[in-house]
C-alpha atoms as a PDB file:
ATOM      1  CA  MET A   1     -46.271  81.434  29.821  1.00  0.00           C
ATOM      2  CA  LYS A   2     -48.505  78.476  28.984  1.00  0.00           C
ATOM      3  CA  ILE A   3     -48.102  79.151  25.280  1.00  0.00           C
ATOM      4  CA  ALA A   4     -44.324  79.214  25.686  1.00  0.00           C
ATOM      5  CA  GLN A   5     -44.370  75.984  27.696  1.00  0.00           C
ATOM      6  CA  ALA A   6     -46.525  74.223  25.103  1.00  0.00           C
ATOM      7  CA  LYS A   7     -44.412  75.451  22.194  1.00  0.00           C
ATOM      8  CA  ARG A   8     -41.197  74.475  24.007  1.00  0.00           C
ATOM      9  CA  LYS A   9     -42.504  70.947  24.422  1.00  0.00           C
ATOM     10  CA  GLU A  10     -43.911  70.541  20.896  1.00  0.00           C
ATOM     11  CA  ASN A  11     -41.733  72.580  18.521  1.00  0.00           C
ATOM     12  CA  ILE A  12     -38.504  74.259  19.588  1.00  0.00           C
ATOM     13  CA  ALA A  13     -38.434  76.466  16.473  1.00  0.00           C
ATOM     14  CA  GLU A  14     -41.913  77.851  17.144  1.00  0.00           C
ATOM     15  CA  TYR A  15     -40.904  78.344  20.771  1.00  0.00           C
ATOM     16  CA  LEU A  16     -37.834  80.365  19.822  1.00  0.00           C
ATOM     17  CA  LEU A  17     -39.775  82.555  17.384  1.00  0.00           C
ATOM     18  CA  TYR A  18     -42.481  83.042  20.017  1.00  0.00           C
ATOM     19  CA  MET A  19     -39.902  84.091  22.608  1.00  0.00           C
ATOM     20  CA  TRP A  20     -38.383  86.585  20.175  1.00  0.00           C
ATOM     21  CA  GLN A  21     -41.880  88.001  19.726  1.00  0.00           C
ATOM     22  CA  VAL A  22     -42.305  88.195  23.514  1.00  0.00           C
ATOM     23  CA  GLU A  23     -39.037  90.149  23.730  1.00  0.00           C
ATOM     24  CA  ASP A  24     -40.388  92.614  21.174  1.00  0.00           C
ATOM     25  CA  ILE A  25     -43.715  92.890  23.006  1.00  0.00           C
ATOM     26  CA  ILE A  26     -41.873  93.708  26.220  1.00  0.00           C
ATOM     27  CA  ARG A  27     -39.903  96.377  24.353  1.00  0.00           C
ATOM     28  CA  ALA A  28     -43.099  97.774  22.840  1.00  0.00           C
ATOM     29  CA  PHE A  29     -44.332  98.348  26.407  1.00  0.00           C
ATOM     30  CA  ASN A  30     -40.987  99.918  27.379  1.00  0.00           C
ATOM     31  CA  LEU A  31     -40.283  97.082  29.820  1.00  0.00           C
ATOM     32  CA  ASP A  32     -43.185  98.326  31.964  1.00  0.00           C
ATOM     33  CA  ILE A  33     -44.744  95.322  33.713  1.00  0.00           C
ATOM     34  CA  ASN A  34     -47.809  97.401  34.684  1.00  0.00           C
ATOM     35  CA  ALA A  35     -48.502  98.185  31.015  1.00  0.00           C
ATOM     36  CA  ILE A  36     -47.985  94.522  30.102  1.00  0.00           C
ATOM     37  CA  LYS A  37     -50.324  93.482  32.887  1.00  0.00           C
ATOM     38  CA  GLU A  38     -52.992  95.974  31.832  1.00  0.00           C
ATOM     39  CA  ASN A  39     -52.773  95.264  28.092  1.00  0.00           C
ATOM     40  CA  ILE A  40     -52.015  91.545  28.035  1.00  0.00           C
ATOM     41  CA  ILE A  41     -52.199  89.653  31.306  1.00  0.00           C
ATOM     42  CA  ASP A  42     -55.487  91.146  32.551  1.00  0.00           C
ATOM     43  CA  HIS A  43     -57.192  89.875  29.376  1.00  0.00           C
ATOM     44  CA  TYR A  44     -56.455  86.214  30.169  1.00  0.00           C
ATOM     45  CA  ASP A  45     -59.517  84.313  31.324  1.00  0.00           C
ATOM     46  CA  VAL A  46     -57.807  82.501  34.204  1.00  0.00           C
ATOM     47  CA  ASP A  47     -58.079  82.454  37.981  1.00  0.00           C
ATOM     48  CA  GLU A  48     -56.063  84.816  40.168  1.00  0.00           C
ATOM     49  CA  GLN A  49     -53.400  82.229  41.029  1.00  0.00           C
ATOM     50  CA  GLU A  50     -52.699  81.566  37.359  1.00  0.00           C
ATOM     51  CA  LYS A  51     -52.684  85.323  36.625  1.00  0.00           C
ATOM     52  CA  LYS A  52     -50.061  85.721  39.325  1.00  0.00           C
ATOM     53  CA  GLU A  53     -47.922  82.969  37.745  1.00  0.00           C
ATOM     54  CA  ILE A  54     -48.272  84.585  34.321  1.00  0.00           C
ATOM     55  CA  THR A  55     -47.397  87.995  35.770  1.00  0.00           C
ATOM     56  CA  ASP A  56     -44.350  86.528  37.499  1.00  0.00           C
ATOM     57  CA  TRP A  57     -43.227  84.964  34.198  1.00  0.00           C
ATOM     58  CA  TRP A  58     -43.518  88.264  32.290  1.00  0.00           C
ATOM     59  CA  GLU A  59     -41.910  90.168  35.156  1.00  0.00           C
ATOM     60  CA  GLY A  60     -39.002  87.711  35.190  1.00  0.00           C
ATOM     61  CA  LEU A  61     -38.439  88.287  31.492  1.00  0.00           C
ATOM     62  CA  VAL A  62     -38.576  92.070  31.977  1.00  0.00           C
ATOM     63  CA  MET A  63     -35.984  91.810  34.746  1.00  0.00           C
ATOM     64  CA  MET A  64     -33.749  89.590  32.590  1.00  0.00           C
ATOM     65  CA  MET A  65     -33.956  92.063  29.718  1.00  0.00           C
ATOM     66  CA  GLN A  66     -32.988  94.915  32.035  1.00  0.00           C
ATOM     67  CA  HIS A  67     -30.174  92.918  33.615  1.00  0.00           C
ATOM     68  CA  GLU A  68     -28.801  91.781  30.241  1.00  0.00           C
ATOM     69  CA  GLY A  69     -29.137  95.209  28.611  1.00  0.00           C
ATOM     70  CA  LYS A  70     -31.644  94.018  26.000  1.00  0.00           C
ATOM     71  CA  GLN A  71     -34.008  96.985  26.355  1.00  0.00           C
ATOM     72  CA  GLU A  72     -33.643  98.055  22.731  1.00  0.00           C
ATOM     73  CA  HIS A  73     -32.483  95.011  20.767  1.00  0.00           C
ATOM     74  CA  GLY A  74     -30.910  91.596  20.981  1.00  0.00           C
ATOM     75  CA  HIS A  75     -32.033  88.358  22.529  1.00  0.00           C
ATOM     76  CA  LEU A  76     -32.041  87.103  26.077  1.00  0.00           C
ATOM     77  CA  GLN A  77     -29.352  84.619  27.019  1.00  0.00           C
ATOM     78  CA  ILE A  78     -31.989  81.924  27.591  1.00  0.00           C
ATOM     79  CA  ASN A  79     -33.036  82.315  23.958  1.00  0.00           C
ATOM     80  CA  LYS A  80     -29.433  82.396  22.755  1.00  0.00           C
ATOM     81  CA  ASN A  81     -28.853  79.167  24.684  1.00  0.00           C
ATOM     82  CA  THR A  82     -31.785  77.550  22.893  1.00  0.00           C
ATOM     83  CA  LEU A  83     -30.304  78.580  19.558  1.00  0.00           C
ATOM     84  CA  LEU A  84     -26.910  77.206  20.652  1.00  0.00           C
ATOM     85  CA  ARG A  85     -28.480  73.854  21.537  1.00  0.00           C
ATOM     86  CA  LEU A  86     -30.107  73.760  18.111  1.00  0.00           C
ATOM     87  CA  ALA A  87     -26.799  74.662  16.460  1.00  0.00           C
ATOM     88  CA  ASP A  88     -25.023  71.895  18.366  1.00  0.00           C
ATOM     89  CA  LEU A  89     -27.584  69.341  17.218  1.00  0.00           C
ATOM     90  CA  HIS A  90     -27.401  70.732  13.675  1.00  0.00           C
ATOM     91  CA  ASP A  91     -23.617  70.270  13.627  1.00  0.00           C
ATOM     92  CA  GLN A  92     -23.896  66.753  15.021  1.00  0.00           C
ATOM     93  CA  LEU A  93     -26.521  65.763  12.467  1.00  0.00           C
ATOM     94  CA  LEU A  94     -24.388  67.119   9.624  1.00  0.00           C
ATOM     95  CA  LYS A  95     -21.361  65.128  10.807  1.00  0.00           C
ATOM     96  CA  SER A  96     -23.311  61.917  11.343  1.00  0.00           C
ATOM     97  CA  THR A  97     -23.628  59.295   8.652  1.00  0.00           C
ATOM     98  CA  LYS A  98     -26.937  58.177  10.215  1.00  0.00           C
ATOM     99  CA  TYR A  99     -28.880  61.185   8.894  1.00  0.00           C
ATOM    100  CA  PRO A 100     -27.862  61.847   5.286  1.00  0.00           C
ATOM    101  CA  GLU A 101     -31.317  63.260   4.480  1.00  0.00           C
ATOM    102  CA  TYR A 102     -30.738  66.009   7.042  1.00  0.00           C
ATOM    103  CA  GLY A 103     -27.515  67.028   5.345  1.00  0.00           C
ATOM    104  CA  ALA A 104     -29.193  66.942   1.948  1.00  0.00           C
ATOM    105  CA  GLU A 105     -31.978  69.216   3.192  1.00  0.00           C
ATOM    106  CA  PHE A 106     -29.458  71.599   4.701  1.00  0.00           C
ATOM    107  CA  TYR A 107     -27.541  71.814   1.423  1.00  0.00           C
ATOM    108  CA  ARG A 108     -30.814  72.544  -0.423  1.00  0.00           C
ATOM    109  CA  THR A 109     -31.330  75.419   2.024  1.00  0.00           C
ATOM    110  CA  LEU A 110     -27.745  76.696   2.026  1.00  0.00           C
ATOM    111  CA  PRO A 111     -28.001  78.855  -1.146  1.00  0.00           C
ATOM    112  CA  PHE A 112     -30.837  80.804   0.492  1.00  0.00           C
ATOM    113  CA  ILE A 113     -28.788  81.217   3.673  1.00  0.00           C
ATOM    114  CA  VAL A 114     -25.792  82.439   1.661  1.00  0.00           C
ATOM    115  CA  GLU A 115     -28.009  84.907  -0.216  1.00  0.00           C
ATOM    116  CA  LEU A 116     -29.457  86.252   3.025  1.00  0.00           C
ATOM    117  CA  ARG A 117     -26.036  86.561   4.616  1.00  0.00           C
ATOM    118  CA  SER A 118     -24.754  88.486   1.602  1.00  0.00           C
ATOM    119  CA  LYS A 119     -27.406  91.133   2.361  1.00  0.00           C
ATOM    120  CA  THR A 120     -26.436  91.382   6.031  1.00  0.00           C
ATOM    121  CA  PRO A 121     -24.255  94.383   6.898  1.00  0.00           C
ATOM    122  CA  GLU A 122     -20.666  93.561   7.770  1.00  0.00           C
ATOM    123  CA  GLY A 123     -20.214  93.170  11.493  1.00  0.00           C
ATOM    124  CA  GLN A 124     -23.761  91.823  11.901  1.00  0.00           C
ATOM    125  CA  GLN A 125     -23.055  88.386  10.480  1.00  0.00           C
ATOM    126  CA  VAL A 126     -24.537  85.509  12.468  1.00  0.00           C
ATOM    127  CA  GLY A 127     -24.462  81.736  12.112  1.00  0.00           C
ATOM    128  CA  GLU A 128     -26.430  79.755   9.582  1.00  0.00           C
ATOM    129  CA  LEU A 129     -29.265  78.821  11.932  1.00  0.00           C
ATOM    130  CA  GLU A 130     -29.655  82.313  13.332  1.00  0.00           C
ATOM    131  CA  THR A 131     -29.785  83.576   9.750  1.00  0.00           C
ATOM    132  CA  CYS A 132     -32.670  81.157   9.148  1.00  0.00           C
ATOM    133  CA  PHE A 133     -34.496  82.266  12.284  1.00  0.00           C
ATOM    134  CA  ASN A 134     -33.924  85.939  11.455  1.00  0.00           C
ATOM    135  CA  ALA A 135     -35.466  85.340   8.023  1.00  0.00           C
ATOM    136  CA  LEU A 136     -38.461  83.515   9.484  1.00  0.00           C
ATOM    137  CA  TYR A 137     -39.010  86.148  12.160  1.00  0.00           C
ATOM    138  CA  GLY A 138     -38.545  89.021   9.720  1.00  0.00           C
ATOM    139  CA  THR A 139     -41.117  87.510   7.374  1.00  0.00           C
ATOM    140  CA  LEU A 140     -43.522  87.022  10.269  1.00  0.00           C
ATOM    141  CA  LEU A 141     -43.154  90.702  11.166  1.00  0.00           C
ATOM    142  CA  LEU A 142     -43.740  91.772   7.564  1.00  0.00           C
ATOM    143  CA  LYS A 143     -46.933  89.717   7.426  1.00  0.00           C
ATOM    144  CA  LEU A 144     -48.130  91.107  10.766  1.00  0.00           C
ATOM    145  CA  GLN A 145     -47.577  94.617   9.387  1.00  0.00           C
ATOM    146  CA  GLY A 146     -49.561  93.744   6.274  1.00  0.00           C
ATOM    147  CA  LYS A 147     -46.550  94.255   4.027  1.00  0.00           C
ATOM    148  CA  GLU A 148     -46.039  92.323   0.845  1.00  0.00           C
ATOM    149  CA  VAL A 149     -43.495  89.520   0.736  1.00  0.00           C
ATOM    150  CA  SER A 150     -41.842  89.057  -2.643  1.00  0.00           C
ATOM    151  CA  ARG A 151     -42.173  85.777  -4.535  1.00  0.00           C
ATOM    152  CA  ASP A 152     -38.427  85.105  -4.215  1.00  0.00           C
ATOM    153  CA  THR A 153     -38.624  85.651  -0.454  1.00  0.00           C
ATOM    154  CA  GLN A 154     -41.627  83.347  -0.220  1.00  0.00           C
ATOM    155  CA  VAL A 155     -39.675  80.590  -1.994  1.00  0.00           C
ATOM    156  CA  ALA A 156     -36.673  81.077   0.289  1.00  0.00           C
ATOM    157  CA  ILE A 157     -38.840  81.145   3.418  1.00  0.00           C
ATOM    158  CA  ALA A 158     -40.678  77.990   2.370  1.00  0.00           C
ATOM    159  CA  GLN A 159     -37.361  76.104   2.063  1.00  0.00           C
ATOM    160  CA  ILE A 160     -35.930  77.577   5.265  1.00  0.00           C
ATOM    161  CA  SER A 161     -39.142  76.792   7.130  1.00  0.00           C
ATOM    162  CA  HIS A 162     -39.090  73.219   5.875  1.00  0.00           C
ATOM    163  CA  PHE A 163     -35.464  72.774   6.920  1.00  0.00           C
ATOM    164  CA  ILE A 164     -35.996  74.329  10.375  1.00  0.00           C
ATOM    165  CA  GLY A 165     -39.077  72.128  10.802  1.00  0.00           C
ATOM    166  CA  ILE A 166     -36.918  69.053  10.202  1.00  0.00           C
ATOM    167  CA  LEU A 167     -34.341  70.281  12.707  1.00  0.00           C
ATOM    168  CA  ALA A 168     -37.101  70.959  15.263  1.00  0.00           C
ATOM    169  CA  ALA A 169     -38.452  67.427  14.810  1.00  0.00           C
ATOM    170  CA  TYR A 170     -34.974  65.976  15.353  1.00  0.00           C
ATOM    171  CA  PHE A 171     -34.564  68.187  18.420  1.00  0.00           C
ATOM    172  CA  LYS A 172     -37.775  66.823  19.915  1.00  0.00           C
ATOM    173  CA  LYS A 173     -36.678  63.249  19.212  1.00  0.00           C
ATOM    174  CA  ASP A 174     -33.236  63.965  20.644  1.00  0.00           C
ATOM    175  CA  GLU A 175     -34.728  65.305  23.867  1.00  0.00           C
ATOM    176  CA  GLN A 176     -36.799  62.146  24.252  1.00  0.00           C
ATOM    177  CA  SER A 177     -33.896  59.830  23.466  1.00  0.00           C
ATOM    178  CA  PRO A 178     -30.473  60.996  22.222  1.00  0.00           C
ATOM    179  CA  LEU A 179     -30.168  60.447  18.487  1.00  0.00           C
ATOM    180  CA  LEU A 180     -26.408  60.172  18.450  1.00  0.00           C
ATOM    181  CA  GLY A 181     -24.014  58.220  20.639  1.00  0.00           C
ATOM    182  CA  GLU A 182     -21.003  59.894  22.258  1.00  0.00           C
ATOM    183  CA  GLU A 183     -18.644  58.656  19.556  1.00  0.00           C
ATOM    184  CA  GLU A 184     -20.768  60.432  16.930  1.00  0.00           C
ATOM    185  CA  THR A 185     -20.854  63.786  18.709  1.00  0.00           C
ATOM    186  CA  LYS A 186     -17.088  64.287  18.740  1.00  0.00           C
END
């Protein structure tokens, strides 16, 4: 909970990847809040009130996953909404003449996105940003499993990571003070 709050405030991309990991952790424990409490929450060195807040947070996510039918795969609507907000900002930045460097960075990343999308089975195609996040998350999982990541994948992930980092920085700035006026967002 605190990790998610801190990541949400500092880096929206890290937050989203963290929340995807939380979804997978919940699935790994078969959406059993008692198992999550025993294996995760009980290991936090916090007072009982904070443990209760953390438990409530995890339990809320478990309930959302059950309610939304995300027991086996997919992302919670709250996480989809975060991705949609990022996609909206991405589109606005691309259309704006105020941020040509953003567009240039996106077009440096686009060949990697196209390559990744060409490997995605038909019917499972997602937007450009979700493709980037899927690549970042997939690489994270490979590393956690101790699997080797090819040199070509490392190059692609480095560019995608750089691009998503730029978008995350713009997102943070935009939350503090809108980057684009209304006339630029249409």
